[in-house]
N, C-alpha and C. Protein backbone atom coordinates (compact mmCIF):
# COMPACT_ATOMS: atom_id res chain seq x y z
N MET A 1 -0.55 -41.75 28.98
CA MET A 1 -1.60 -40.87 28.48
C MET A 1 -1.57 -40.70 27.12
N SER A 2 -2.68 -40.66 26.63
CA SER A 2 -2.80 -40.38 25.03
C SER A 2 -2.34 -39.02 24.66
N VAL A 3 -1.73 -38.93 23.50
CA VAL A 3 -1.17 -37.72 22.96
C VAL A 3 -2.32 -36.74 22.69
N ALA A 4 -3.55 -37.27 22.54
CA ALA A 4 -4.64 -36.33 22.19
C ALA A 4 -5.00 -35.56 23.41
N PHE A 5 -4.64 -35.85 24.59
CA PHE A 5 -4.84 -35.03 25.78
C PHE A 5 -3.68 -34.10 26.21
N THR A 6 -2.68 -34.07 25.54
CA THR A 6 -1.51 -33.15 25.80
C THR A 6 -1.47 -31.94 24.94
N LYS A 7 -0.70 -30.99 25.28
CA LYS A 7 -0.73 -29.75 24.46
C LYS A 7 0.63 -29.75 23.83
N GLU A 8 0.95 -30.79 23.16
CA GLU A 8 2.19 -30.82 22.37
C GLU A 8 2.02 -30.04 21.12
N GLU A 9 3.06 -29.48 20.57
CA GLU A 9 3.01 -28.60 19.37
C GLU A 9 3.03 -29.55 18.30
N SER A 10 2.07 -29.41 17.27
CA SER A 10 2.22 -30.18 16.06
C SER A 10 2.80 -29.42 14.97
N ALA A 11 3.13 -30.17 13.88
CA ALA A 11 3.72 -29.45 12.65
C ALA A 11 2.71 -28.62 12.11
N GLU A 12 1.50 -29.12 12.16
CA GLU A 12 0.40 -28.15 11.61
C GLU A 12 0.32 -26.90 12.36
N THR A 13 0.30 -26.91 13.69
CA THR A 13 0.07 -25.70 14.46
C THR A 13 1.34 -24.93 14.27
N ALA A 14 2.53 -25.33 14.13
CA ALA A 14 3.74 -24.62 13.88
C ALA A 14 3.56 -23.85 12.54
N ALA A 15 3.05 -24.60 11.56
CA ALA A 15 2.93 -24.00 10.09
C ALA A 15 1.93 -22.87 10.05
N GLU A 16 0.90 -22.88 11.04
CA GLU A 16 -0.17 -21.80 11.00
C GLU A 16 0.45 -20.66 11.59
N THR A 17 1.57 -20.75 12.38
CA THR A 17 2.15 -19.53 13.04
C THR A 17 3.09 -18.83 12.23
N LEU A 18 3.44 -19.32 11.04
CA LEU A 18 4.48 -18.57 10.28
C LEU A 18 3.88 -18.34 8.90
N LEU A 19 3.37 -17.15 8.79
CA LEU A 19 2.79 -16.74 7.56
C LEU A 19 3.78 -16.14 6.58
N PRO A 20 3.62 -16.35 5.33
CA PRO A 20 4.71 -15.77 4.39
C PRO A 20 4.70 -14.24 4.37
N ASP A 21 5.83 -13.75 4.12
CA ASP A 21 5.79 -12.11 4.22
C ASP A 21 4.99 -11.62 3.08
N ARG A 22 4.38 -10.39 3.49
CA ARG A 22 3.65 -9.61 2.46
C ARG A 22 4.54 -9.23 1.32
N PRO A 23 4.19 -9.49 0.01
CA PRO A 23 5.03 -8.99 -0.97
C PRO A 23 5.23 -7.45 -1.05
N VAL A 24 6.70 -7.13 -1.11
CA VAL A 24 7.11 -5.82 -1.06
C VAL A 24 7.19 -5.39 -2.64
N PRO A 25 6.55 -4.37 -2.91
CA PRO A 25 6.46 -3.85 -4.46
C PRO A 25 8.07 -3.52 -4.78
N GLU A 26 8.42 -3.88 -6.05
CA GLU A 26 9.79 -3.63 -6.49
C GLU A 26 9.92 -2.16 -6.72
N GLY A 27 11.19 -1.65 -6.77
CA GLY A 27 11.43 -0.28 -7.06
C GLY A 27 11.46 0.59 -5.63
N PRO A 28 11.64 1.86 -5.96
CA PRO A 28 11.82 2.77 -4.73
C PRO A 28 10.41 2.86 -4.10
N ASN A 29 10.40 3.16 -2.81
CA ASN A 29 9.25 3.30 -2.01
C ASN A 29 8.94 4.73 -1.84
N LEU A 30 8.56 5.40 -2.88
CA LEU A 30 8.05 6.75 -2.82
C LEU A 30 6.81 7.01 -2.18
N VAL A 31 6.65 7.98 -1.24
CA VAL A 31 5.51 8.38 -0.56
C VAL A 31 5.35 9.85 -0.41
N THR A 32 4.15 10.17 -0.22
CA THR A 32 3.82 11.55 0.12
C THR A 32 3.92 11.78 1.69
N ALA A 33 3.98 13.02 2.16
CA ALA A 33 4.05 13.08 3.54
C ALA A 33 2.93 12.42 4.24
N ALA A 34 1.77 12.47 3.67
CA ALA A 34 0.52 11.89 4.15
C ALA A 34 0.71 10.32 4.19
N GLY A 35 1.23 9.85 3.08
CA GLY A 35 1.47 8.46 3.00
C GLY A 35 2.47 7.85 3.95
N LEU A 36 3.50 8.64 4.31
CA LEU A 36 4.36 8.25 5.38
C LEU A 36 3.58 8.27 6.77
N ALA A 37 2.81 9.11 7.06
CA ALA A 37 1.97 9.22 8.21
C ALA A 37 1.09 7.98 8.32
N GLY A 38 0.46 7.67 7.14
CA GLY A 38 -0.34 6.37 7.03
C GLY A 38 0.48 5.21 7.25
N LEU A 39 1.65 5.05 6.83
CA LEU A 39 2.41 3.88 7.06
C LEU A 39 2.84 3.71 8.59
N GLU A 40 3.13 4.95 9.23
CA GLU A 40 3.54 4.96 10.55
C GLU A 40 2.37 4.62 11.41
N ARG A 41 1.03 5.00 10.98
CA ARG A 41 -0.22 4.72 11.74
C ARG A 41 -0.40 3.17 11.62
N ARG A 42 -0.24 2.65 10.49
CA ARG A 42 -0.43 1.23 10.35
C ARG A 42 0.53 0.35 11.04
N LEU A 43 1.90 0.82 11.03
CA LEU A 43 2.78 0.15 11.89
C LEU A 43 2.61 0.16 13.31
N ALA A 44 2.00 1.29 13.84
CA ALA A 44 1.61 1.36 15.25
C ALA A 44 0.46 0.38 15.48
N GLU A 45 -0.44 0.33 14.63
CA GLU A 45 -1.62 -0.55 14.66
C GLU A 45 -1.16 -2.07 14.80
N ALA A 46 -0.30 -2.37 13.90
CA ALA A 46 0.24 -3.72 13.75
C ALA A 46 0.93 -4.11 15.13
N ARG A 47 1.72 -3.21 15.58
CA ARG A 47 2.44 -3.38 16.92
C ARG A 47 1.58 -3.50 18.04
N ALA A 48 0.51 -2.66 18.06
CA ALA A 48 -0.47 -2.82 19.12
C ALA A 48 -1.31 -4.16 19.10
N ALA A 49 -1.56 -4.66 17.87
CA ALA A 49 -2.32 -5.90 17.77
C ALA A 49 -1.39 -7.01 17.94
N TYR A 50 -0.12 -6.90 17.72
CA TYR A 50 0.70 -8.01 18.12
C TYR A 50 0.97 -8.01 19.57
N ASP A 51 1.25 -6.89 20.25
CA ASP A 51 1.40 -6.80 21.66
C ASP A 51 0.05 -7.35 22.39
N ALA A 52 -1.04 -7.13 21.93
CA ALA A 52 -2.36 -7.69 22.50
C ALA A 52 -2.34 -9.19 22.35
N THR A 53 -1.76 -9.81 21.29
CA THR A 53 -1.77 -11.28 21.30
C THR A 53 -0.81 -11.80 22.34
N MET A 54 0.28 -11.04 22.63
CA MET A 54 1.30 -11.57 23.63
C MET A 54 0.63 -11.73 25.03
N ALA A 55 -0.55 -11.25 25.30
CA ALA A 55 -1.18 -11.51 26.62
C ALA A 55 -1.97 -12.77 26.64
N ILE A 56 -2.12 -13.46 25.59
CA ILE A 56 -2.83 -14.73 25.51
C ILE A 56 -1.97 -15.93 26.12
N GLU A 57 -2.62 -16.56 27.08
CA GLU A 57 -1.81 -17.48 27.88
C GLU A 57 -1.59 -18.74 27.16
N ASP A 58 -2.51 -19.38 26.40
CA ASP A 58 -2.16 -20.54 25.57
C ASP A 58 -1.10 -20.35 24.59
N ILE A 59 -0.06 -21.06 24.62
CA ILE A 59 1.01 -20.73 23.66
C ILE A 59 0.61 -21.13 22.18
N ASN A 60 -0.10 -22.07 21.92
CA ASN A 60 -0.50 -22.40 20.56
C ASN A 60 -1.53 -21.31 20.03
N GLU A 61 -2.43 -20.85 20.92
CA GLU A 61 -3.38 -19.85 20.41
C GLU A 61 -2.63 -18.50 20.26
N LYS A 62 -1.72 -18.16 21.14
CA LYS A 62 -0.93 -16.98 21.08
C LYS A 62 -0.23 -16.90 19.74
N ARG A 63 0.37 -18.08 19.29
CA ARG A 63 1.04 -18.01 17.94
C ARG A 63 0.17 -17.96 16.91
N ARG A 64 -1.06 -18.72 16.87
CA ARG A 64 -1.95 -18.59 15.88
C ARG A 64 -2.48 -17.04 15.76
N GLN A 65 -2.76 -16.55 16.82
CA GLN A 65 -3.45 -15.07 16.91
C GLN A 65 -2.22 -14.11 16.56
N ALA A 66 -0.97 -14.36 16.83
CA ALA A 66 0.10 -13.27 16.53
C ALA A 66 0.55 -13.39 15.11
N ALA A 67 0.24 -14.50 14.39
CA ALA A 67 0.83 -14.53 13.04
C ALA A 67 0.55 -13.44 12.09
N ALA A 68 -0.59 -13.03 12.02
CA ALA A 68 -1.09 -11.90 11.10
C ALA A 68 -0.37 -10.60 11.54
N PRO A 69 -0.62 -10.25 12.80
CA PRO A 69 0.00 -9.00 13.26
C PRO A 69 1.48 -8.95 13.08
N PHE A 70 2.11 -10.24 13.29
CA PHE A 70 3.61 -10.05 13.23
C PHE A 70 3.96 -9.91 11.80
N ARG A 71 3.25 -10.50 10.83
CA ARG A 71 3.55 -10.28 9.52
C ARG A 71 3.37 -8.86 9.02
N ASP A 72 2.37 -8.28 9.50
CA ASP A 72 2.04 -6.73 9.15
C ASP A 72 3.05 -6.05 9.96
N LEU A 73 3.56 -6.31 11.10
CA LEU A 73 4.62 -5.55 11.68
C LEU A 73 5.97 -5.47 10.89
N ARG A 74 6.24 -6.67 10.44
CA ARG A 74 7.40 -6.73 9.72
C ARG A 74 7.26 -6.01 8.37
N TYR A 75 6.15 -6.08 7.59
CA TYR A 75 5.89 -5.34 6.42
C TYR A 75 5.97 -3.85 6.71
N PHE A 76 5.15 -3.41 7.57
CA PHE A 76 5.18 -1.95 7.71
C PHE A 76 6.41 -1.34 8.31
N ALA A 77 7.14 -2.08 9.07
CA ALA A 77 8.49 -1.65 9.60
C ALA A 77 9.42 -1.44 8.47
N GLU A 78 9.39 -2.31 7.43
CA GLU A 78 10.18 -2.39 6.26
C GLU A 78 9.83 -1.06 5.42
N ARG A 79 8.45 -0.93 5.18
CA ARG A 79 7.97 0.13 4.38
C ARG A 79 8.30 1.58 5.04
N VAL A 80 8.07 1.74 6.30
CA VAL A 80 8.47 2.97 6.94
C VAL A 80 9.97 3.07 6.79
N ARG A 81 10.88 2.24 6.93
CA ARG A 81 12.40 2.22 6.88
C ARG A 81 12.79 2.70 5.53
N THR A 82 12.11 2.19 4.53
CA THR A 82 12.51 2.41 3.19
C THR A 82 11.76 3.59 2.52
N ALA A 83 10.93 4.20 3.23
CA ALA A 83 10.08 5.33 2.60
C ALA A 83 11.01 6.47 2.23
N GLN A 84 10.74 7.06 1.01
CA GLN A 84 11.23 8.26 0.48
C GLN A 84 10.20 9.26 0.35
N VAL A 85 10.13 10.31 1.23
CA VAL A 85 9.10 11.17 1.11
C VAL A 85 9.41 12.13 -0.08
N VAL A 86 8.49 12.30 -1.02
CA VAL A 86 8.63 13.23 -2.30
C VAL A 86 7.65 14.47 -1.95
N PRO A 87 8.40 15.55 -1.88
CA PRO A 87 7.60 16.79 -1.77
C PRO A 87 6.69 17.18 -2.88
N PRO A 88 5.46 17.86 -2.48
CA PRO A 88 4.54 18.05 -3.73
C PRO A 88 5.32 18.69 -4.98
N PRO A 89 4.75 18.71 -6.08
CA PRO A 89 5.42 19.33 -7.23
C PRO A 89 5.38 20.82 -7.15
N ASP A 90 6.46 21.42 -7.63
CA ASP A 90 6.67 22.97 -7.67
C ASP A 90 5.75 23.54 -8.71
N THR A 91 5.31 22.70 -9.62
CA THR A 91 4.58 23.35 -10.67
C THR A 91 3.48 22.41 -11.10
N ASN A 92 2.36 23.01 -11.80
CA ASN A 92 1.33 22.16 -12.23
C ASN A 92 1.40 22.11 -13.72
N ASP A 93 2.57 22.35 -14.34
CA ASP A 93 2.68 22.22 -15.82
C ASP A 93 2.49 20.90 -16.35
N VAL A 94 3.17 19.96 -15.72
CA VAL A 94 3.15 18.56 -16.16
C VAL A 94 2.77 17.62 -14.89
N VAL A 95 2.28 16.48 -15.24
CA VAL A 95 1.92 15.46 -14.26
C VAL A 95 3.20 14.99 -13.51
N ALA A 96 3.19 14.94 -12.33
CA ALA A 96 4.37 14.32 -11.52
C ALA A 96 3.76 13.65 -10.25
N PHE A 97 4.70 12.99 -9.55
CA PHE A 97 4.32 12.33 -8.25
C PHE A 97 3.69 13.45 -7.27
N GLY A 98 2.56 13.11 -6.85
CA GLY A 98 1.94 14.11 -5.96
C GLY A 98 0.89 15.07 -6.65
N SER A 99 0.90 14.98 -8.00
CA SER A 99 0.05 15.93 -8.69
C SER A 99 -1.47 15.23 -8.59
N ARG A 100 -2.38 16.18 -8.60
CA ARG A 100 -3.89 15.76 -8.79
C ARG A 100 -4.21 16.08 -10.15
N VAL A 101 -4.59 15.01 -10.90
CA VAL A 101 -4.87 15.24 -12.33
C VAL A 101 -6.21 14.65 -12.60
N THR A 102 -6.94 15.51 -13.43
CA THR A 102 -8.29 15.33 -13.87
C THR A 102 -8.15 14.74 -15.36
N VAL A 103 -8.71 13.64 -15.65
CA VAL A 103 -8.64 13.09 -17.06
C VAL A 103 -10.08 12.87 -17.50
N SER A 104 -10.34 13.00 -18.83
CA SER A 104 -11.54 12.63 -19.41
C SER A 104 -11.24 11.39 -20.38
N ARG A 105 -12.15 10.55 -20.19
CA ARG A 105 -12.08 9.14 -21.00
C ARG A 105 -12.70 9.31 -22.32
N ASP A 106 -12.45 8.38 -23.19
CA ASP A 106 -13.17 8.31 -24.51
C ASP A 106 -14.65 8.29 -24.35
N ASP A 107 -15.25 7.57 -23.38
CA ASP A 107 -16.68 7.48 -23.14
C ASP A 107 -17.31 8.70 -22.50
N GLY A 108 -16.46 9.61 -22.15
CA GLY A 108 -16.98 10.92 -21.65
C GLY A 108 -16.94 10.96 -20.02
N ARG A 109 -16.46 9.85 -19.33
CA ARG A 109 -16.32 9.83 -18.04
C ARG A 109 -15.11 10.70 -17.47
N VAL A 110 -15.20 11.52 -16.56
CA VAL A 110 -14.19 12.30 -16.03
C VAL A 110 -13.78 11.84 -14.74
N HIS A 111 -12.53 11.51 -14.47
CA HIS A 111 -11.99 11.13 -13.15
C HIS A 111 -10.90 12.02 -12.66
N THR A 112 -10.75 12.22 -11.33
CA THR A 112 -9.64 12.95 -10.74
C THR A 112 -8.87 12.09 -9.87
N TYR A 113 -7.63 11.99 -10.05
CA TYR A 113 -6.82 11.20 -9.15
C TYR A 113 -5.61 12.03 -8.68
N MET A 114 -5.09 11.52 -7.48
CA MET A 114 -3.84 12.07 -7.07
C MET A 114 -2.75 10.88 -7.15
N ILE A 115 -1.66 11.20 -7.82
CA ILE A 115 -0.62 10.22 -7.85
C ILE A 115 0.19 10.03 -6.65
N VAL A 116 0.29 8.83 -6.07
CA VAL A 116 0.79 8.68 -4.73
C VAL A 116 1.64 7.41 -4.69
N GLY A 117 2.09 6.97 -3.42
CA GLY A 117 2.98 5.85 -3.35
C GLY A 117 2.07 4.61 -3.36
N GLU A 118 2.73 3.38 -3.43
CA GLU A 118 2.17 2.06 -3.55
C GLU A 118 1.21 1.80 -2.47
N ASP A 119 1.57 2.13 -1.22
CA ASP A 119 0.81 1.82 -0.08
C ASP A 119 -0.34 2.63 0.24
N GLU A 120 -0.34 3.82 -0.38
CA GLU A 120 -1.36 4.86 -0.15
C GLU A 120 -2.38 4.97 -1.29
N ALA A 121 -2.21 4.17 -2.32
CA ALA A 121 -3.09 4.23 -3.49
C ALA A 121 -4.40 3.42 -3.14
N ASP A 122 -5.41 4.07 -3.51
CA ASP A 122 -6.84 3.43 -3.48
C ASP A 122 -7.58 4.22 -4.49
N PRO A 123 -7.81 3.66 -5.84
CA PRO A 123 -8.44 4.19 -6.82
C PRO A 123 -9.86 4.68 -6.57
N LYS A 124 -10.56 3.90 -5.70
CA LYS A 124 -11.95 4.25 -5.47
C LYS A 124 -11.97 5.51 -4.63
N ALA A 125 -10.85 5.87 -4.01
CA ALA A 125 -10.71 6.95 -2.98
C ALA A 125 -10.06 8.16 -3.84
N GLY A 126 -9.71 7.88 -5.05
CA GLY A 126 -9.00 8.93 -5.94
C GLY A 126 -7.58 9.06 -5.93
N THR A 127 -6.97 7.95 -5.45
CA THR A 127 -5.50 8.04 -5.38
C THR A 127 -4.98 6.70 -6.23
N LEU A 128 -3.95 7.01 -7.06
CA LEU A 128 -3.37 6.02 -7.91
C LEU A 128 -1.86 5.75 -7.66
N SER A 129 -1.36 4.71 -7.65
CA SER A 129 0.05 4.34 -7.35
C SER A 129 0.85 4.84 -8.60
N PHE A 130 1.98 5.56 -8.25
CA PHE A 130 2.88 6.09 -9.35
C PHE A 130 3.21 4.96 -10.28
N SER A 131 3.19 3.80 -9.84
CA SER A 131 3.70 2.67 -10.81
C SER A 131 2.42 2.05 -11.56
N SER A 132 1.28 2.56 -11.38
CA SER A 132 0.14 1.98 -12.17
C SER A 132 0.31 2.44 -13.73
N PRO A 133 -0.42 1.56 -14.50
CA PRO A 133 -0.26 1.93 -15.91
C PRO A 133 -0.80 3.28 -16.17
N LEU A 134 -2.00 3.79 -15.65
CA LEU A 134 -2.42 5.07 -16.01
C LEU A 134 -1.56 6.24 -15.46
N ALA A 135 -0.92 5.97 -14.23
CA ALA A 135 -0.09 6.97 -13.74
C ALA A 135 1.18 7.19 -14.61
N ARG A 136 1.68 5.89 -14.95
CA ARG A 136 2.92 6.01 -15.76
C ARG A 136 2.73 6.75 -17.10
N ALA A 137 1.50 6.40 -17.75
CA ALA A 137 1.16 7.08 -19.06
C ALA A 137 0.98 8.51 -18.95
N LEU A 138 0.60 9.04 -17.69
CA LEU A 138 0.27 10.52 -17.55
C LEU A 138 1.44 11.29 -17.13
N MET A 139 2.48 10.60 -16.41
CA MET A 139 3.60 11.32 -15.98
C MET A 139 4.31 12.06 -17.12
N GLY A 140 4.69 13.44 -16.86
CA GLY A 140 5.34 14.23 -17.73
C GLY A 140 4.51 14.89 -18.78
N LYS A 141 3.23 14.52 -18.76
CA LYS A 141 2.32 15.18 -19.82
C LYS A 141 1.67 16.39 -19.19
N GLY A 142 1.22 17.33 -20.11
CA GLY A 142 0.61 18.44 -19.60
C GLY A 142 -0.99 18.43 -20.00
N VAL A 143 -1.69 19.52 -19.58
CA VAL A 143 -3.04 19.72 -19.89
C VAL A 143 -3.31 19.61 -21.42
N ASP A 144 -4.32 19.02 -21.78
CA ASP A 144 -4.69 18.76 -23.18
C ASP A 144 -3.87 17.63 -23.90
N ASP A 145 -2.82 17.09 -23.28
CA ASP A 145 -2.11 15.94 -23.89
C ASP A 145 -3.16 14.72 -23.77
N THR A 146 -2.78 13.79 -24.40
CA THR A 146 -3.56 12.53 -24.35
C THR A 146 -2.57 11.37 -23.98
N ALA A 147 -3.14 10.26 -23.52
CA ALA A 147 -2.23 9.21 -23.01
C ALA A 147 -3.13 7.87 -23.42
N SER A 148 -2.42 6.90 -23.98
CA SER A 148 -3.07 5.63 -24.21
C SER A 148 -2.89 4.68 -23.03
N VAL A 149 -4.10 4.13 -22.66
CA VAL A 149 -4.28 3.16 -21.53
C VAL A 149 -5.13 2.24 -21.67
N ALA A 150 -4.75 0.96 -21.65
CA ALA A 150 -5.58 -0.22 -21.74
C ALA A 150 -6.57 -0.21 -22.94
N GLY A 151 -6.02 0.23 -24.19
CA GLY A 151 -6.78 0.22 -25.35
C GLY A 151 -7.66 1.38 -25.51
N GLY A 152 -7.63 2.22 -24.57
CA GLY A 152 -8.37 3.55 -24.82
C GLY A 152 -7.52 4.77 -24.62
N GLU A 153 -7.89 5.90 -24.70
CA GLU A 153 -7.09 7.11 -24.42
C GLU A 153 -7.82 8.01 -23.44
N VAL A 154 -7.02 8.74 -22.76
CA VAL A 154 -7.56 9.69 -21.69
C VAL A 154 -6.83 11.05 -22.23
N GLU A 155 -7.64 12.03 -21.93
CA GLU A 155 -7.16 13.34 -22.09
C GLU A 155 -6.90 14.22 -20.73
N ILE A 156 -5.84 14.73 -20.68
CA ILE A 156 -5.64 15.45 -19.31
C ILE A 156 -6.34 16.84 -19.31
N VAL A 157 -7.33 16.99 -18.38
CA VAL A 157 -8.15 18.21 -18.47
C VAL A 157 -7.57 19.22 -17.47
N ARG A 158 -7.06 18.80 -16.41
CA ARG A 158 -6.57 19.78 -15.31
C ARG A 158 -5.37 19.01 -14.56
N ILE A 159 -4.40 19.82 -14.12
CA ILE A 159 -3.41 19.41 -13.22
C ILE A 159 -3.36 20.33 -12.04
N GLU A 160 -3.47 19.83 -10.77
CA GLU A 160 -3.41 20.62 -9.77
C GLU A 160 -2.14 20.10 -8.78
């Protein structure tokens, strides 16, 4: 019988089933309480997606379909394991992890961001990673202080 009609595993099929790990950001895995809850939710979603692929009968298709959920499962399990919940700041005197800060740019635009962990950051939704250049430039500064970022300056208008 020709090999074309058998279900032998090929090197190509095996390679499709092993996706490289998602890169884990360097440094501490600081998160807000909401960030930890989000990581736990995403871990549960990855686990559910992986479990669903285990019901697929064809072994090669099962391996292909399970590759991404399994990679996400490994990533989120590690992120939950290493998460360090940082309580909200006690004071609004200076920008800190968990602060909501409003800045005014040179061109007059005003933006408000909350400084959060790597996995919960979404600038379009108003959250910045504590390791982003803007967040690093703002940390430790108070209202009316300025910070240089990407060739421009921002002024801190409010800290909540």
